[in-house]
N, C-alpha and C. Protein backbone atom coordinates (compact mmCIF):
# COMPACT_ATOMS: atom_id res chain seq x y z
N MET A 1 100.46 83.41 85.21
CA MET A 1 99.93 84.03 86.40
C MET A 1 99.86 85.53 86.16
N THR A 2 98.74 86.10 86.55
CA THR A 2 98.56 87.55 86.42
C THR A 2 98.97 88.24 87.72
N GLN A 3 99.10 89.56 87.65
CA GLN A 3 99.43 90.32 88.86
C GLN A 3 98.32 90.17 89.90
N ASP A 4 97.07 90.16 89.46
CA ASP A 4 95.96 89.99 90.40
C ASP A 4 96.01 88.63 91.09
N GLU A 5 96.34 87.58 90.34
CA GLU A 5 96.45 86.25 90.94
C GLU A 5 97.58 86.22 91.97
N PHE A 6 98.68 86.86 91.63
CA PHE A 6 99.81 86.92 92.56
C PHE A 6 99.43 87.69 93.82
N ASN A 7 98.79 88.84 93.66
CA ASN A 7 98.35 89.63 94.82
C ASN A 7 97.40 88.83 95.70
N GLU A 8 96.45 88.16 95.11
CA GLU A 8 95.49 87.37 95.89
C GLU A 8 96.18 86.22 96.63
N ALA A 9 97.17 85.61 96.01
CA ALA A 9 97.92 84.55 96.67
C ALA A 9 98.66 85.09 97.89
N ILE A 10 99.27 86.26 97.74
CA ILE A 10 99.96 86.89 98.88
C ILE A 10 98.97 87.17 100.00
N LEU A 11 97.81 87.73 99.65
CA LEU A 11 96.83 88.08 100.68
C LEU A 11 96.27 86.84 101.36
N THR A 12 96.14 85.76 100.64
CA THR A 12 95.66 84.51 101.23
C THR A 12 96.67 83.94 102.21
N VAL A 13 97.93 83.91 101.80
CA VAL A 13 98.99 83.34 102.63
C VAL A 13 99.26 84.19 103.87
N THR A 14 99.06 85.49 103.78
CA THR A 14 99.41 86.39 104.88
C THR A 14 98.21 86.78 105.74
N ALA A 15 97.15 86.03 105.67
CA ALA A 15 95.96 86.32 106.48
C ALA A 15 95.98 85.49 107.76
N GLY A 16 95.44 86.05 108.82
CA GLY A 16 95.22 85.30 110.03
C GLY A 16 96.31 85.44 111.09
N PRO A 17 96.06 84.81 112.24
CA PRO A 17 96.96 84.94 113.39
C PRO A 17 98.33 84.30 113.16
N ALA A 18 98.42 83.30 112.32
CA ALA A 18 99.72 82.68 112.05
C ALA A 18 100.66 83.70 111.40
N TRP A 19 100.13 84.55 110.52
CA TRP A 19 100.97 85.56 109.88
C TRP A 19 101.47 86.57 110.90
N ASP A 20 100.64 86.90 111.89
CA ASP A 20 101.08 87.82 112.94
C ASP A 20 102.27 87.25 113.70
N LEU A 21 102.27 85.95 113.93
CA LEU A 21 103.39 85.28 114.58
C LEU A 21 104.64 85.33 113.70
N VAL A 22 104.48 85.09 112.41
CA VAL A 22 105.60 85.17 111.48
C VAL A 22 106.17 86.59 111.47
N LYS A 23 105.31 87.60 111.46
CA LYS A 23 105.77 88.99 111.46
C LYS A 23 106.59 89.31 112.71
N ARG A 24 106.16 88.79 113.86
CA ARG A 24 106.93 89.01 115.09
C ARG A 24 108.29 88.36 115.00
N GLY A 25 108.33 87.16 114.42
CA GLY A 25 109.62 86.49 114.23
C GLY A 25 110.52 87.25 113.29
N LEU A 26 109.96 87.77 112.21
CA LEU A 26 110.75 88.58 111.27
C LEU A 26 111.28 89.85 111.93
N ALA A 27 110.46 90.48 112.76
CA ALA A 27 110.90 91.68 113.47
C ALA A 27 112.06 91.34 114.40
N ASN A 28 112.00 90.20 115.08
CA ASN A 28 113.11 89.77 115.94
C ASN A 28 114.37 89.52 115.12
N ASP A 29 114.21 88.90 113.95
CA ASP A 29 115.36 88.64 113.09
C ASP A 29 115.99 89.95 112.58
N ILE A 30 115.17 90.94 112.29
CA ILE A 30 115.68 92.25 111.88
C ILE A 30 116.49 92.87 113.01
N TYR A 31 115.95 92.82 114.21
CA TYR A 31 116.66 93.36 115.37
C TYR A 31 118.01 92.65 115.54
N ASN A 32 118.01 91.33 115.42
CA ASN A 32 119.25 90.57 115.59
C ASN A 32 120.27 90.91 114.50
N ALA A 33 119.83 91.08 113.27
CA ALA A 33 120.74 91.45 112.19
C ALA A 33 121.35 92.83 112.45
N GLN A 34 120.54 93.75 112.93
CA GLN A 34 121.04 95.09 113.23
C GLN A 34 122.03 95.05 114.39
N ALA A 35 121.75 94.22 115.39
CA ALA A 35 122.67 94.10 116.52
C ALA A 35 123.98 93.46 116.08
N GLN A 36 123.92 92.46 115.22
CA GLN A 36 125.13 91.81 114.72
C GLN A 36 126.01 92.79 113.95
N ALA A 37 125.39 93.74 113.29
CA ALA A 37 126.15 94.70 112.48
C ALA A 37 127.10 95.53 113.35
N LEU A 38 126.82 95.61 114.64
CA LEU A 38 127.69 96.38 115.54
C LEU A 38 129.00 95.66 115.82
N ASP A 39 129.03 94.33 115.59
CA ASP A 39 130.20 93.54 115.95
C ASP A 39 131.00 93.02 114.77
N VAL A 40 130.61 93.33 113.56
CA VAL A 40 131.32 92.79 112.40
C VAL A 40 132.63 93.54 112.17
N LYS A 41 133.48 92.91 111.39
CA LYS A 41 134.83 93.44 111.20
C LYS A 41 135.00 94.22 109.90
N SER A 42 134.01 94.19 109.02
CA SER A 42 134.19 94.89 107.75
C SER A 42 132.91 95.60 107.33
N TRP A 43 133.07 96.61 106.49
CA TRP A 43 131.93 97.35 105.96
C TRP A 43 131.08 96.44 105.08
N ASP A 44 131.70 95.51 104.36
CA ASP A 44 130.95 94.58 103.52
C ASP A 44 129.96 93.77 104.35
N GLU A 45 130.39 93.35 105.53
CA GLU A 45 129.49 92.59 106.41
C GLU A 45 128.35 93.46 106.91
N VAL A 46 128.63 94.71 107.20
CA VAL A 46 127.58 95.65 107.61
C VAL A 46 126.55 95.77 106.49
N CYS A 47 127.04 95.95 105.27
CA CYS A 47 126.14 96.09 104.12
C CYS A 47 125.33 94.83 103.89
N GLU A 48 125.96 93.68 104.05
CA GLU A 48 125.25 92.41 103.89
C GLU A 48 124.13 92.27 104.93
N LEU A 49 124.42 92.57 106.17
CA LEU A 49 123.40 92.49 107.21
C LEU A 49 122.29 93.51 106.99
N ARG A 50 122.65 94.68 106.51
CA ARG A 50 121.64 95.70 106.22
C ARG A 50 120.70 95.21 105.11
N GLY A 51 121.27 94.63 104.07
CA GLY A 51 120.46 94.09 102.99
C GLY A 51 119.57 92.95 103.46
N PHE A 52 120.10 92.10 104.32
CA PHE A 52 119.32 91.00 104.87
C PHE A 52 118.14 91.55 105.68
N ALA A 53 118.41 92.54 106.53
CA ALA A 53 117.35 93.14 107.34
C ALA A 53 116.31 93.81 106.45
N LYS A 54 116.76 94.45 105.39
CA LYS A 54 115.83 95.12 104.48
C LYS A 54 114.93 94.09 103.78
N GLY A 55 115.49 92.95 103.39
CA GLY A 55 114.70 91.89 102.79
C GLY A 55 113.67 91.33 103.76
N LEU A 56 114.07 91.17 105.02
CA LEU A 56 113.13 90.70 106.04
C LEU A 56 112.00 91.71 106.24
N ALA A 57 112.35 93.00 106.24
CA ALA A 57 111.34 94.05 106.39
C ALA A 57 110.37 94.03 105.21
N PHE A 58 110.89 93.79 104.01
CA PHE A 58 110.02 93.69 102.84
C PHE A 58 109.00 92.57 103.04
N MET A 59 109.49 91.42 103.50
CA MET A 59 108.59 90.28 103.72
C MET A 59 107.60 90.58 104.85
N MET A 60 108.07 91.21 105.89
CA MET A 60 107.20 91.52 107.03
C MET A 60 106.05 92.43 106.60
N ASN A 61 106.30 93.31 105.65
CA ASN A 61 105.30 94.28 105.22
C ASN A 61 104.62 93.92 103.90
N ILE A 62 104.82 92.71 103.43
CA ILE A 62 104.33 92.35 102.10
C ILE A 62 102.80 92.42 102.01
N ARG A 63 102.10 92.07 103.07
CA ARG A 63 100.63 92.15 103.04
C ARG A 63 100.16 93.60 102.89
N ASP A 64 100.68 94.48 103.77
CA ASP A 64 100.26 95.88 103.72
C ASP A 64 100.64 96.53 102.39
N ASN A 65 101.84 96.21 101.90
CA ASN A 65 102.27 96.77 100.62
C ASN A 65 101.45 96.25 99.46
N THR A 66 101.03 94.99 99.53
CA THR A 66 100.18 94.42 98.48
C THR A 66 98.81 95.10 98.48
N LEU A 67 98.26 95.31 99.66
CA LEU A 67 96.96 96.00 99.75
C LEU A 67 97.08 97.42 99.21
N ARG A 68 98.17 98.11 99.53
CA ARG A 68 98.39 99.47 99.03
C ARG A 68 98.56 99.46 97.51
N ALA A 69 99.30 98.50 96.99
CA ALA A 69 99.51 98.41 95.55
C ALA A 69 98.20 98.15 94.82
N LYS A 70 97.37 97.26 95.38
CA LYS A 70 96.07 96.99 94.77
C LYS A 70 95.21 98.24 94.73
N ALA A 71 95.22 99.00 95.84
CA ALA A 71 94.41 100.21 95.91
C ALA A 71 94.89 101.26 94.91
N GLN A 72 96.20 101.27 94.65
CA GLN A 72 96.77 102.24 93.71
C GLN A 72 96.77 101.73 92.28
N GLY A 73 96.42 100.46 92.10
CA GLY A 73 96.42 99.88 90.77
C GLY A 73 97.82 99.68 90.21
N SER A 74 98.79 99.45 91.10
CA SER A 74 100.17 99.26 90.66
C SER A 74 100.68 97.90 91.13
N SER A 75 101.92 97.61 90.81
CA SER A 75 102.50 96.34 91.24
C SER A 75 103.15 96.51 92.61
N LEU A 76 103.40 95.41 93.25
CA LEU A 76 104.02 95.42 94.56
C LEU A 76 105.38 96.10 94.54
N MET A 77 106.15 95.91 93.50
CA MET A 77 107.48 96.50 93.42
C MET A 77 107.43 98.01 93.25
N ALA A 78 106.29 98.57 92.92
CA ALA A 78 106.18 100.02 92.79
C ALA A 78 105.95 100.69 94.14
N VAL A 79 105.59 99.90 95.16
CA VAL A 79 105.34 100.43 96.49
C VAL A 79 106.63 100.32 97.29
N GLU A 80 107.02 101.40 97.94
CA GLU A 80 108.26 101.38 98.73
C GLU A 80 108.10 100.49 99.93
N ASP A 81 109.17 99.73 100.24
CA ASP A 81 109.15 98.88 101.42
C ASP A 81 109.56 99.70 102.65
N ALA A 82 109.49 99.06 103.80
CA ALA A 82 109.77 99.76 105.05
C ALA A 82 111.23 100.14 105.16
N ASN A 83 111.49 101.24 105.80
CA ASN A 83 112.86 101.62 106.09
C ASN A 83 113.40 100.74 107.20
N VAL A 84 114.67 100.41 107.08
CA VAL A 84 115.31 99.57 108.11
C VAL A 84 116.43 100.35 108.73
């Protein structure tokens, strides 16, 4: 698989109104992870929830980041993901 094939697969899967629904669900999950971080008992749990939220944000923005990477001629991992 080439980078172009991978990018096109991402753009195909993330097109349409169903993806908008998934993005809303991911945003809700990020909010819930951040809220849970207020009640945990250890810093390790805070860090774990932060990492989880950051991964969800990466997925939520994967379409936009893929389009940006294609325009820049770089890979998806070269584009910064959203701040959480």
